[in-house]
Protein backbone atom coordinates (compact mmCIF):
# COMPACT_ATOMS: atom_id res chain seq x y z
CA MET A 1 79.06 89.59 93.69
CA LYS A 2 80.96 87.79 96.74
CA GLY A 3 84.47 86.75 97.10
CA HIS A 4 84.20 82.87 97.46
CA GLY A 5 81.24 81.41 95.07
CA ARG A 6 77.83 80.83 95.07
CA ILE A 7 75.60 80.43 97.94
CA LEU A 8 74.28 76.58 97.67
CA ARG A 9 72.32 77.33 101.38
CA GLU A 10 72.05 79.19 103.97
CA VAL A 11 71.43 78.59 107.86
CA GLU A 12 71.15 80.31 110.95
CA ARG A 13 73.35 78.59 114.19
CA THR A 14 74.93 79.40 117.30
CA LEU A 15 78.44 77.77 117.29
CA ALA A 16 80.71 77.77 120.10
CA GLY A 17 77.66 80.42 121.79
CA ILE A 18 78.12 82.40 119.07
CA PRO A 19 75.26 83.27 116.82
CA ALA A 20 76.76 82.78 113.27
CA VAL A 21 74.63 82.58 109.58
CA ILE A 22 76.89 79.65 107.77
CA ARG A 23 76.65 79.45 104.00
CA TYR A 24 77.11 76.49 101.84
CA LYS A 25 79.05 77.05 98.50
CA ASN A 26 81.10 75.04 96.29
CA ILE A 27 84.26 75.95 97.44
CA LYS A 28 87.57 73.86 99.54
CA ASN A 29 88.39 75.43 102.92
CA LEU A 30 86.13 77.05 105.65
CA TYR A 31 86.35 81.57 105.51
CA LEU A 32 85.02 83.27 108.58
CA ARG A 33 84.31 87.29 108.96
CA ILE A 34 82.78 89.47 111.35
CA SER A 35 79.34 91.17 110.65
CA GLY A 36 79.46 94.98 110.01
CA ASP A 37 77.49 95.80 113.02
CA GLY A 38 79.19 92.98 115.14
CA SER A 39 75.93 90.97 115.91
CA ARG A 40 77.53 87.58 114.92
CA ILE A 41 79.77 86.02 112.78
CA GLU A 42 79.14 84.58 109.24
CA LEU A 43 81.53 81.39 107.99
CA SER A 44 81.45 79.95 104.20
CA VAL A 45 81.87 76.51 104.27
CA PRO A 46 82.26 73.65 101.51
CA ARG A 47 78.78 71.95 100.91
CA ARG A 48 79.62 68.83 102.99
CA THR A 49 81.04 70.40 106.06
CA LEU A 50 80.36 68.95 109.61
CA MET A 51 78.89 70.73 112.24
CA CYS A 52 81.57 69.76 114.47
CA ASP A 53 84.32 70.55 112.51
CA MET A 54 82.81 74.44 112.19
CA GLU A 55 82.10 74.52 115.76
CA ASP A 56 85.97 73.39 116.59
CA PHE A 57 86.76 76.05 113.61
CA VAL A 58 85.20 79.01 115.36
CA ARG A 59 86.18 77.72 118.94
CA ARG A 60 90.42 77.96 117.60
CA ARG A 61 89.62 81.16 116.50
CA ARG A 62 88.02 82.34 119.52
CA ALA A 63 90.91 85.14 120.35
CA TRP A 64 90.71 86.64 117.16
CA ILE A 65 86.72 86.92 116.51
CA GLU A 66 86.98 88.67 120.55
CA ALA A 67 89.18 90.69 119.44
CA ARG A 68 88.07 91.65 116.50
CA LEU A 69 84.63 92.67 118.08
CA ARG A 70 86.54 94.65 121.06
CA SER A 71 88.19 96.85 118.00
CA MET A 72 84.71 97.34 116.65
CA ARG A 73 83.35 98.81 120.21
CA GLU A 74 86.52 100.88 120.17
CA LYS A 75 85.51 102.16 117.00
CA LYS A 76 84.05 106.02 116.57
CA PRO A 77 80.27 105.57 117.67
CA PRO A 78 77.83 105.17 114.82
CA SER A 79 76.84 108.39 113.32
CA LEU A 80 73.54 110.38 114.78
CA TYR A 81 73.04 112.30 111.53
CA ALA A 82 73.46 115.25 113.79
CA ALA A 83 74.45 118.73 112.06
CA GLY A 84 77.69 118.61 111.52
CA ASP A 85 78.19 114.96 110.56
CA ILE A 86 79.94 113.83 107.48
CA VAL A 87 77.94 111.82 104.57
CA HIS A 88 79.88 110.22 101.88
CA LEU A 89 77.95 111.16 98.49
CA TRP A 90 79.89 110.02 95.28
CA GLY A 91 83.40 109.80 96.84
CA SER A 92 82.99 113.38 98.71
CA ALA A 93 82.30 114.35 102.28
CA CYS A 94 79.25 116.04 102.62
CA HIS A 95 78.76 118.35 105.95
CA ILE A 96 75.26 117.69 107.74
CA VAL A 97 72.95 120.91 107.60
CA ASP A 98 69.96 121.05 109.62
CA ALA A 99 66.84 122.72 108.16
CA PRO A 100 64.18 122.61 111.23
CA LEU A 101 60.90 121.22 110.18
CA VAL A 102 57.71 122.27 111.20
CA HIS A 103 55.80 119.44 109.83
CA GLY A 104 55.58 116.56 107.47
CA LYS A 105 57.99 113.86 106.87
CA ALA A 106 61.83 114.28 107.40
CA TYR A 107 63.62 115.02 103.78
CA ALA A 108 67.53 115.47 102.89
CA GLU A 109 68.72 116.92 99.44
CA SER A 110 72.04 117.68 98.26
CA VAL A 111 73.23 121.33 97.95
CA GLY A 112 76.08 122.69 97.12
CA GLY A 113 78.45 119.66 98.53
CA MET A 114 76.24 119.59 101.85
CA ILE A 115 73.82 117.54 102.41
CA VAL A 116 70.37 119.86 103.80
CA LEU A 117 68.60 117.83 106.36
CA HIS A 118 64.93 118.90 106.80
CA ALA A 119 63.95 117.28 110.13
CA ALA A 120 61.71 118.14 113.12
CA VAL A 121 63.78 119.34 115.88
CA ASP A 122 63.30 116.39 118.24
CA ALA A 123 63.35 113.71 115.28
CA ASP A 124 65.95 111.14 116.44
CA ALA A 125 68.59 108.99 114.79
CA GLY A 126 66.21 106.96 113.16
CA MET A 127 64.31 109.50 111.00
CA ARG A 128 67.24 111.38 110.29
CA ARG A 129 69.20 108.18 108.87
CA ALA A 130 66.14 107.18 106.96
CA ALA A 131 65.95 110.80 105.19
CA VAL A 132 69.58 110.72 104.21
CA ASP A 133 69.28 106.83 103.23
CA ALA A 134 66.05 107.92 100.83
CA LEU A 135 68.59 110.93 99.45
CA CYS A 136 71.06 108.19 98.71
CA ARG A 137 68.29 106.02 97.16
CA ARG A 138 67.19 108.67 95.06
CA GLU A 139 70.33 109.60 93.78
CA LEU A 140 71.57 106.16 93.01
CA THR A 141 68.34 105.51 91.19
CA ALA A 142 69.33 108.23 88.93
CA ALA A 143 72.82 107.22 88.59
CA ILE A 144 71.93 103.64 87.37
CA GLU A 145 69.52 105.14 84.77
CA ARG A 146 72.55 107.04 83.45
CA GLU A 147 75.28 103.84 83.24
CA ALA A 148 72.81 101.45 82.27
CA PRO A 149 72.76 102.27 78.78
CA ALA A 150 76.78 102.40 78.46
CA CYS A 151 77.64 99.38 80.88
CA GLU A 152 75.14 97.16 79.13
CA MET A 153 76.41 98.26 75.52
CA VAL A 154 79.87 96.82 76.74
CA VAL A 155 78.79 93.90 78.35
CA GLY A 156 76.52 92.78 75.50
CA LYS A 157 74.11 92.05 78.04
CA ARG A 158 70.74 93.68 79.43
CA ALA A 159 69.30 93.62 83.00
CA ALA A 160 65.53 92.99 83.16
CA HIS A 161 65.41 95.05 85.88
CA TRP A 162 67.68 96.45 88.43
CA ARG A 163 66.91 96.92 91.97
CA ILE A 164 68.27 98.33 95.21
CA ARG A 165 69.01 97.15 98.54
CA ALA A 166 70.66 97.99 101.71
CA MET A 167 73.58 94.87 101.98
CA LYS A 168 75.86 94.06 104.60
CA THR A 169 78.01 91.33 102.67
CA ARG A 170 77.69 92.31 98.74
CA TRP A 171 77.78 95.06 96.55
CA GLY A 172 75.63 93.66 94.11
CA SER A 173 74.25 90.47 93.13
CA CYS A 174 72.63 88.72 90.26
CA ASN A 175 69.88 86.10 89.51
CA VAL A 176 71.07 84.69 86.31
CA ARG A 177 67.74 82.90 85.42
CA THR A 178 65.65 86.34 85.52
CA ALA A 179 68.19 88.77 84.65
CA TYR A 180 67.32 91.06 87.97
CA ILE A 181 70.15 92.89 89.40
CA THR A 182 70.66 94.10 92.75
CA LEU A 183 72.82 96.79 93.94
CA ASN A 184 73.72 98.15 97.34
CA LEU A 185 72.54 101.21 98.77
CA GLN A 186 75.65 102.25 100.06
CA LEU A 187 77.59 102.67 96.35
CA ALA A 188 75.97 105.96 96.19
CA GLN A 189 79.00 106.91 99.37
CA TYR A 190 81.69 106.32 96.65
CA ASP A 191 83.26 107.57 93.19
CA VAL A 192 80.85 106.52 90.46
CA ARG A 193 83.49 104.40 89.10
CA ALA A 194 82.56 101.80 91.99
CA LEU A 195 78.64 101.72 90.35
CA ARG A 196 80.51 101.43 87.31
CA TYR A 197 82.32 98.54 88.11
CA VAL A 198 79.41 96.49 90.23
CA MET A 199 77.19 97.10 87.51
CA MET A 200 79.79 95.42 84.77
CA HIS A 201 80.55 92.64 87.11
CA GLU A 202 77.05 91.60 87.63
CA LEU A 203 75.88 92.03 83.88
CA THR A 204 78.77 89.75 83.46
CA HIS A 205 77.66 87.23 85.02
CA LEU A 206 74.69 86.71 82.32
CA TRP A 207 77.50 85.17 80.73
CA VAL A 208 79.35 83.42 83.03
CA ARG A 209 77.86 82.34 85.93
CA GLY A 210 80.79 81.68 88.49
CA HIS A 211 84.05 83.06 89.00
CA ASN A 212 86.50 81.58 86.60
CA ALA A 213 89.25 82.44 84.38
CA GLN A 214 86.45 83.06 81.53
CA PHE A 215 84.65 85.44 83.68
CA TYR A 216 87.98 87.22 84.64
CA ALA A 217 88.85 87.41 81.24
CA ARG A 218 85.96 89.63 79.87
CA MET A 219 85.52 91.73 82.92
CA ASP A 220 89.50 93.06 81.67
CA ARG A 221 88.35 93.40 78.40
CA TYR A 222 84.77 95.36 79.94
CA PHE A 223 86.37 97.02 82.60
CA PRO A 224 90.54 97.19 82.62
CA ASP A 225 91.01 98.93 86.00
CA TRP A 226 88.27 97.03 87.99
CA ARG A 227 90.84 95.34 90.18
CA GLU A 228 91.76 98.78 91.23
CA ILE A 229 88.19 99.67 92.11
CA ARG A 230 87.70 96.10 93.87
CA LYS A 231 90.76 97.24 96.02
CA MET A 232 89.43 100.29 97.23
CA LEU A 233 85.78 98.73 98.15
CA ASN A 234 87.26 96.08 100.08
CA THR A 235 89.33 98.09 101.91
CA SER A 236 86.91 100.45 102.70
CA VAL A 237 85.24 97.42 104.72
CA ARG A 238 88.50 96.15 106.06
CA GLU A 239 85.87 95.52 109.26
CA ASN A 240 84.18 92.63 107.79
CA SER A 241 87.94 90.82 106.37
CA GLU A 242 87.83 86.90 106.41
CA ILE A 243 90.12 84.63 107.89
CA GLN A 244 91.09 81.33 106.39
């Protein structure tokens, strides 16, 4: 699911000294965003855009880019997944509670509105995060199995396969040729209505490939309050907001 057209081609370049990912699309204007981790800029550009035009576009917005990066650096540092930290699961803020693990691989479970993290006392942030991510993946897998039949019945299309990935710029994607649909792992953080919205959005692409009036008319019919959910999701990731 992407706000500005289907990706035709994607390349990595350095523009005005800044690492960039360039996505060529069937669009009329150039759009710029900062990646979620602040490691690069991401451009959506018309398919025939020249590299020199992209360089100029980035140079003219350099002040905005630097201000955005500065703001991201000043934000709260990323969670270490330590005891007391908060993890969101299905729209609820859950505190992490430590449960020391003598041996074996770290794992997490949802218990009584808390995330119980079973890990060795010397487990680093990466190990602890992997355990929480595995919990979110299990939760999302189970939710997809529960929600898919109803979503598919409403839309009138079925996915050949549902997949889960950690994605930075999309909530979901649909391969219309294979009917394979991929959902963002982060959807487990939000109210289940967000999951339903993204599932129906991607299923609708099995009727209509792009985002046009026909696509939105179907979404209005299948999921009347989809715009409300989309706004909520977009607001939650406004650090990736685009400028034109």
